[in-house]
Amino acid sequence: MKVFITKQIPEVGVQRMEAAGHEVVVYDGEQPLSQEALIETCQRFDALVSAGFNKIDRHFLNACKHLKVVSLFSVGYDSVDLNAATQLKIPVGNTPHVLSKATADIAFLLMLNVSRKAFFNYKKILDGKWKGFEPVADLGQELYGKTLGVFGLGDIGFEMAKKCRAAFDMDIIYHNRKPNARAEAQLGARYVSFDALLAQSDVLSVHANFSDQTKGIFDKAAFAKMKPSSIFINTARGGMHDEADLKDALDAGTIWGAGLDVTNPEPMDKENPLMLMPNVCVLPHIGSATKEAREGMAMMAADNVIAALKGDRLPTIVNADIYL
C-alpha cells in the first residue's frame, strides 16, 4: 500500500515501512502543504504520517475517509479531531514515551538558563557589552530546596520532576486530572489544586496535553496568583499560555522569569519583545530533537502504519474506542 509523509523523518522509519512492503512518498517541498493540497494528495494514498502541524479536522477526515490510519509524528494529538476520526473508524496513532527524557531535558535546561539569565548574558558577549566583573549586575537565583510545580504530571512531567529532585532536592507538587501514585511513591510528590500549584511553585513547568480545557489557562489571572520570584516553563504547547499576559507579568514583576520551548504562533517573530528580556529564554520547539528520540518516534510512527495496513490494532492508539 501507499504511505504519504508530510515532512522528512529519520530514515529508519521509512525503511521500516518499505521493508513491510509499502511504497513510501515523502513530501520535500519548502513550504508546508495547505490543507486542501494535503487532501488532494492523500486521495492517492492509503496511510498518512503527519509530521509537523497539519490540521486533521472534520473537513479533512470527511474528505479522506478512505485512509486506513493517521500516524502522528508527535505525542500531542491536538491537531486531530478525534471524535470525527473515531466516527469514521480511522485509527490515530501517536509517539508517546520515547521522547519523554529528551523533552524533560529541555525543560530542565530552560529552568537553569532562566534562573541564571544565561541567554541574556551570552548575548552581552556577542554585543560587546561584557565590560568586566560587576558584583551586583544580572544576578540570578539558586534552585536548591525550592518547589517545582508540575502541570500535567505524565511521563515527561515525571522525568522533569525526577531531575529536579535529584539535582536540587526540590519539593514536588503537581496538578493533574487524577493523582499520580508513582510520582507520590518515588518522588514524594503532592497533589494540589490548580490555585495551590500557582501559589506555591517556585518553578512551574507545563507538561499537560493541549485541549479546550487547557487552552490559555496560563493567563493574567493565573500569573497574578504566582510568586514574584517564580519561573514559568512551557515545553508542552504555546497555546496554553497567553503570550501578551506573560510579557505583562514579567514587565510588572508579577513573576520573575520564563523559559519557552513552545510559542504561539510558531515560529516566533524575531522581533518579539520576549526575546529581549533578560529573564526569558526561548528555544525553537526542540524538546524531542535528539537523534535517539526522533529515530524512536520514526519507528513508532512506522509501526502504527504497518499495524493498521495489516488490519491490526495500533501499538500506540489515541482513539482506542474505534476497536469497541
Protein backbone atom coordinates (compact mmCIF):
# COMPACT_ATOMS: atom_id res chain seq x y z
CA MET A 1 0.00 0.00 0.00
CA LYS A 2 0.99 3.66 -0.29
CA VAL A 3 2.08 5.88 2.61
CA PHE A 4 2.47 9.66 2.46
CA ILE A 5 4.68 11.55 4.93
CA THR A 6 4.30 15.32 5.23
CA LYS A 7 7.95 16.03 6.19
CA GLN A 8 11.24 14.17 6.09
CA ILE A 9 11.56 11.91 9.14
CA PRO A 10 14.54 9.75 10.16
CA GLU A 11 15.24 7.16 7.51
CA VAL A 12 14.79 4.25 9.91
CA GLY A 13 11.04 4.88 9.89
CA VAL A 14 10.84 4.99 6.10
CA GLN A 15 12.94 1.84 5.79
CA ARG A 16 10.73 0.05 8.30
CA MET A 17 7.61 0.72 6.23
CA GLU A 18 9.33 -0.17 2.97
CA ALA A 19 10.62 -3.41 4.47
CA ALA A 20 6.99 -4.25 5.26
CA GLY A 21 6.25 -3.96 1.53
CA HIS A 22 4.73 -0.48 1.37
CA GLU A 23 5.51 2.35 -1.03
CA VAL A 24 6.51 5.49 0.89
CA VAL A 25 6.47 9.02 -0.51
CA VAL A 26 7.93 11.90 1.49
CA TYR A 27 6.95 15.49 0.76
CA ASP A 28 10.08 17.57 0.20
CA GLY A 29 8.66 20.98 -0.65
CA GLU A 30 9.98 24.08 1.10
CA GLN A 31 6.53 25.32 2.09
CA PRO A 32 4.12 23.17 4.13
CA LEU A 33 1.18 21.78 2.18
CA SER A 34 -2.08 23.64 2.61
CA GLN A 35 -4.94 21.58 3.95
CA GLU A 36 -6.59 21.42 0.55
CA ALA A 37 -3.34 20.35 -1.10
CA LEU A 38 -2.89 17.68 1.56
CA ILE A 39 -6.43 16.45 0.99
CA GLU A 40 -5.81 16.26 -2.75
CA THR A 41 -2.52 14.42 -2.22
CA CYS A 42 -4.00 11.93 0.25
CA GLN A 43 -6.57 10.77 -2.30
CA ARG A 44 -3.75 8.70 -3.82
CA PHE A 45 -2.58 7.14 -0.55
CA ASP A 46 -3.74 4.59 2.00
CA ALA A 47 -1.95 5.98 5.06
CA LEU A 48 -0.80 9.37 6.30
CA VAL A 49 2.16 10.11 8.57
CA SER A 50 1.65 13.66 9.80
CA ALA A 51 4.92 15.31 10.82
CA GLY A 52 4.65 18.93 11.90
CA PHE A 53 1.37 20.74 12.41
CA ASN A 54 -1.27 19.63 9.90
CA LYS A 55 -4.90 20.42 10.60
CA ILE A 56 -6.56 17.00 10.65
CA ASP A 57 -10.07 18.30 11.35
CA ARG A 58 -13.53 17.01 10.41
CA HIS A 59 -13.30 18.60 6.97
CA PHE A 60 -10.03 16.82 6.23
CA LEU A 61 -11.20 13.49 7.62
CA ASN A 62 -14.50 13.53 5.72
CA ALA A 63 -12.57 14.23 2.52
CA CYS A 64 -10.06 11.47 3.33
CA LYS A 65 -12.29 8.87 4.94
CA HIS A 66 -10.59 6.19 2.85
CA LEU A 67 -7.40 6.50 4.93
CA LYS A 68 -6.63 3.39 6.92
CA VAL A 69 -4.57 5.31 9.51
CA VAL A 70 -3.35 8.73 10.55
CA SER A 71 0.01 8.23 12.24
CA LEU A 72 1.25 11.30 14.11
CA PHE A 73 4.95 12.04 14.45
CA SER A 74 4.33 13.53 17.89
CA VAL A 75 3.00 12.77 21.34
CA GLY A 76 0.41 15.55 21.14
CA TYR A 77 -2.74 14.97 19.14
CA ASP A 78 -4.46 18.34 19.44
CA SER A 79 -4.23 18.78 15.65
CA VAL A 80 -6.72 15.92 15.13
CA ASP A 81 -10.50 15.90 15.55
CA LEU A 82 -10.59 12.61 17.41
CA ASN A 83 -14.39 12.46 17.53
CA ALA A 84 -14.56 12.69 13.74
CA ALA A 85 -11.76 10.14 13.29
CA THR A 86 -13.48 7.72 15.64
CA GLN A 87 -16.85 8.13 13.92
CA LEU A 88 -15.18 7.41 10.58
CA LYS A 89 -13.29 4.43 12.07
CA ILE A 90 -9.90 5.94 11.22
CA PRO A 91 -7.30 4.93 13.83
CA VAL A 92 -4.99 7.69 15.03
CA GLY A 93 -1.59 6.81 16.48
CA ASN A 94 1.00 8.91 18.30
CA THR A 95 4.54 8.50 19.67
CA PRO A 96 4.49 8.60 23.49
CA HIS A 97 7.22 7.67 25.99
CA VAL A 98 10.14 7.63 23.57
CA LEU A 99 10.75 11.38 23.80
CA SER A 100 9.96 11.90 27.49
CA LYS A 101 13.55 12.16 28.70
CA ALA A 102 14.66 14.41 25.84
CA THR A 103 11.78 16.82 26.36
CA ALA A 104 12.29 16.87 30.12
CA ASP A 105 15.96 17.68 29.46
CA ILE A 106 14.86 20.82 27.60
CA ALA A 107 12.52 21.87 30.42
CA PHE A 108 15.42 21.41 32.87
CA LEU A 109 17.77 23.29 30.55
CA LEU A 110 15.34 26.21 30.29
CA MET A 111 14.87 26.30 34.06
CA LEU A 112 18.63 26.55 34.64
CA ASN A 113 19.16 29.11 31.90
CA VAL A 114 16.35 31.33 33.15
CA SER A 115 17.48 31.08 36.77
CA ARG A 116 20.95 32.40 35.80
CA LYS A 117 19.87 34.71 32.92
CA ALA A 118 22.23 32.71 30.72
CA PHE A 119 20.85 33.61 27.28
CA PHE A 120 20.87 37.33 28.15
CA ASN A 121 24.44 37.23 29.47
CA TYR A 122 25.61 35.29 26.43
CA LYS A 123 24.11 37.98 24.20
CA LYS A 124 26.08 40.59 26.15
CA ILE A 125 29.29 38.97 24.95
CA LEU A 126 28.06 38.89 21.34
CA ASP A 127 27.02 42.56 21.58
CA GLY A 128 30.34 43.63 23.07
CA LYS A 129 28.71 44.67 26.35
CA TRP A 130 30.74 42.47 28.70
CA LYS A 131 32.95 45.02 30.41
CA GLY A 132 34.20 43.02 33.35
CA PHE A 133 33.22 41.87 36.84
CA GLU A 134 30.19 43.63 38.33
CA PRO A 135 29.26 42.34 41.80
CA VAL A 136 25.56 43.24 41.65
CA ALA A 137 24.81 43.03 37.93
CA ASP A 138 22.45 40.48 36.34
CA LEU A 139 22.10 38.31 39.42
CA GLY A 140 20.21 35.05 39.06
CA GLN A 141 18.72 32.80 41.69
CA GLU A 142 19.53 29.35 43.07
CA LEU A 143 17.15 26.42 42.90
CA TYR A 144 18.27 24.33 45.87
CA GLY A 145 15.38 23.21 48.05
CA LYS A 146 12.83 25.18 46.04
CA THR A 147 9.41 23.86 45.00
CA LEU A 148 8.78 22.53 41.50
CA GLY A 149 5.16 22.61 40.42
CA VAL A 150 4.22 20.35 37.51
CA PHE A 151 1.09 20.99 35.49
CA GLY A 152 0.38 17.64 33.87
CA LEU A 153 2.49 15.01 35.60
CA GLY A 154 2.64 12.31 32.96
CA ASP A 155 5.78 10.71 31.55
CA ILE A 156 7.53 13.97 30.64
CA GLY A 157 6.50 15.72 33.84
CA PHE A 158 7.74 12.75 35.86
CA GLU A 159 11.15 12.90 34.18
CA MET A 160 11.39 16.65 34.86
CA ALA A 161 10.40 16.14 38.50
CA LYS A 162 12.93 13.33 38.89
CA LYS A 163 15.76 15.54 37.59
CA CYS A 164 14.79 18.45 39.84
CA ARG A 165 14.54 16.21 42.88
CA ALA A 166 17.93 14.61 42.23
CA ALA A 167 19.84 17.75 41.23
CA PHE A 168 18.40 20.34 43.61
CA ASP A 169 16.44 18.37 46.21
CA MET A 170 13.34 20.26 45.11
CA ASP A 171 9.96 19.56 46.63
CA ILE A 172 7.47 18.35 44.01
CA ILE A 173 3.84 19.43 43.79
CA TYR A 174 1.58 18.78 40.85
CA HIS A 175 -1.88 19.24 39.40
CA ASN A 176 -3.38 16.52 37.20
CA ARG A 177 -6.70 15.19 36.08
CA LYS A 178 -6.02 12.35 38.51
CA PRO A 179 -3.36 11.57 41.13
CA ASN A 180 -0.05 10.02 40.05
CA ALA A 181 0.70 7.25 42.55
CA ARG A 182 4.12 6.53 41.03
CA ALA A 183 5.30 10.12 41.47
CA GLU A 184 3.95 10.24 45.00
CA ALA A 185 5.70 7.00 45.96
CA GLN A 186 9.04 7.61 44.24
CA LEU A 187 9.42 11.38 44.43
CA GLY A 188 7.26 12.37 47.38
CA ALA A 189 5.13 14.44 45.02
CA ARG A 190 2.00 16.05 46.44
CA TYR A 191 -1.23 16.56 44.51
CA VAL A 192 -2.58 20.12 44.89
CA SER A 193 -5.34 22.24 43.39
CA PHE A 194 -4.56 24.44 40.40
CA ASP A 195 -4.66 27.58 42.56
CA ALA A 196 -2.31 26.00 45.09
CA LEU A 197 0.05 25.00 42.27
CA LEU A 198 0.19 28.62 41.13
CA ALA A 199 0.68 30.00 44.64
CA GLN A 200 3.27 27.53 45.92
CA SER A 201 5.53 26.86 42.91
CA ASP A 202 8.97 28.44 42.68
CA VAL A 203 9.25 26.85 39.24
CA LEU A 204 6.07 25.92 37.38
CA SER A 205 6.67 23.53 34.48
CA VAL A 206 3.89 22.79 31.97
CA HIS A 207 3.62 19.26 30.55
CA ALA A 208 -0.14 18.74 30.05
CA ASN A 209 -1.94 17.85 26.84
CA PHE A 210 -3.34 20.79 24.91
CA SER A 211 -7.14 20.80 24.91
CA ASP A 212 -10.14 23.10 25.20
CA GLN A 213 -9.70 22.88 28.97
CA THR A 214 -6.01 23.87 28.96
CA LYS A 215 -6.07 26.44 26.14
CA GLY A 216 -4.95 29.79 27.50
CA ILE A 217 -5.08 28.54 31.10
CA PHE A 218 -1.94 30.50 31.99
CA ASP A 219 -3.29 34.00 31.59
CA LYS A 220 -3.24 37.27 33.52
CA ALA A 221 -5.34 35.83 36.33
CA ALA A 222 -3.10 32.76 36.66
CA PHE A 223 0.16 34.73 36.64
CA ALA A 224 -1.27 37.07 39.28
CA LYS A 225 -1.51 34.12 41.69
CA MET A 226 2.16 33.13 41.27
CA LYS A 227 5.11 34.21 43.37
CA PRO A 228 7.06 37.32 42.26
CA SER A 229 10.17 35.12 42.38
CA SER A 230 8.66 32.28 40.31
CA ILE A 231 9.82 30.90 36.96
CA PHE A 232 7.33 29.73 34.33
CA ILE A 233 8.45 26.94 31.96
CA ASN A 234 6.41 25.68 28.99
CA THR A 235 7.59 22.79 26.81
CA ALA A 236 4.09 21.49 26.01
CA ARG A 237 2.10 23.76 23.67
CA GLY A 238 2.30 27.52 23.17
CA GLY A 239 -1.47 27.81 23.21
CA MET A 240 -1.53 27.06 26.93
CA HIS A 241 -0.14 30.47 27.85
CA ASP A 242 -1.27 33.91 26.77
CA GLU A 243 1.90 35.49 25.43
CA ALA A 244 0.79 39.10 25.95
CA ASP A 245 -0.23 38.33 29.52
CA LEU A 246 3.09 36.57 30.11
CA LYS A 247 5.03 39.61 28.91
CA ASP A 248 2.94 41.91 31.09
CA ALA A 249 3.53 39.67 34.12
CA LEU A 250 7.29 39.73 33.50
CA ASP A 251 7.33 43.50 32.93
CA ALA A 252 5.38 44.12 36.13
CA GLY A 253 7.47 41.72 38.22
CA THR A 254 4.41 39.57 38.85
CA ILE A 255 6.66 36.59 38.04
CA TRP A 256 10.46 36.52 37.81
CA GLY A 257 11.25 34.67 34.60
CA ALA A 258 10.09 32.37 31.81
CA GLY A 259 11.53 29.62 29.62
CA LEU A 260 9.68 28.60 26.48
CA ASP A 261 10.27 25.80 24.01
CA VAL A 262 6.83 26.46 22.53
CA THR A 263 5.26 29.73 21.42
CA ASN A 264 2.04 30.95 19.86
CA PRO A 265 2.35 31.33 16.96
CA GLU A 266 5.29 29.21 15.87
CA PRO A 267 7.79 30.23 14.64
CA MET A 268 8.08 33.22 16.99
CA ASP A 269 8.78 36.59 15.35
CA LYS A 270 12.42 37.53 15.92
CA GLU A 271 11.22 40.99 16.98
CA ASN A 272 9.01 39.58 19.75
CA PRO A 273 9.76 41.65 22.88
CA LEU A 274 10.13 38.48 24.95
CA MET A 275 13.35 37.81 23.06
CA LEU A 276 14.93 40.95 24.54
CA MET A 277 14.06 40.30 28.19
CA PRO A 278 16.98 39.35 30.45
CA ASN A 279 14.94 36.79 32.41
CA VAL A 280 13.46 34.95 29.41
CA CYS A 281 14.89 32.05 27.40
CA VAL A 282 13.20 30.86 24.20
CA LEU A 283 14.04 27.77 22.13
CA PRO A 284 12.54 26.80 18.74
CA HIS A 285 10.46 23.77 19.82
CA ILE A 286 13.37 21.34 20.11
CA GLY A 287 12.06 19.24 23.00
CA SER A 288 12.37 15.93 21.15
CA ALA A 289 15.31 16.97 18.96
CA THR A 290 17.80 14.23 19.72
CA LYS A 291 18.86 11.50 17.33
CA GLU A 292 17.65 8.84 19.75
CA ALA A 293 14.24 10.40 20.37
CA ARG A 294 13.49 11.26 16.74
CA GLU A 295 14.55 7.82 15.49
CA GLY A 296 12.38 6.25 18.18
CA MET A 297 9.46 8.42 17.08
CA ALA A 298 10.01 7.44 13.44
CA MET A 299 9.95 3.74 14.26
CA MET A 300 6.89 4.12 16.45
CA ALA A 301 5.05 6.07 13.73
CA ALA A 302 6.04 3.39 11.21
CA ASP A 303 4.83 0.58 13.47
CA ASN A 304 1.44 2.27 13.75
CA VAL A 305 1.18 2.45 9.97
CA ILE A 306 2.30 -1.16 9.48
CA ALA A 307 -0.19 -2.45 12.03
CA ALA A 308 -3.09 -0.50 10.53
CA LEU A 309 -2.33 -1.66 6.98
CA LYS A 310 -2.35 -5.26 8.24
CA GLY A 311 -5.69 -4.67 9.93
CA ASP A 312 -4.14 -4.95 13.40
CA ARG A 313 -4.56 -2.71 16.43
CA LEU A 314 -2.12 0.21 16.53
CA PRO A 315 0.61 -0.23 19.16
CA THR A 316 0.06 3.35 20.38
CA ILE A 317 -3.55 4.20 19.62
CA VAL A 318 -5.06 7.54 20.62
CA ASN A 319 -8.72 6.83 19.79
CA ALA A 320 -9.00 3.27 21.12
CA ASP A 321 -12.80 3.49 21.01
CA ILE A 322 -12.71 2.51 17.33
CA TYR A 323 -11.94 -1.05 18.47
CA LEU A 324 -15.03 -1.35 20.68
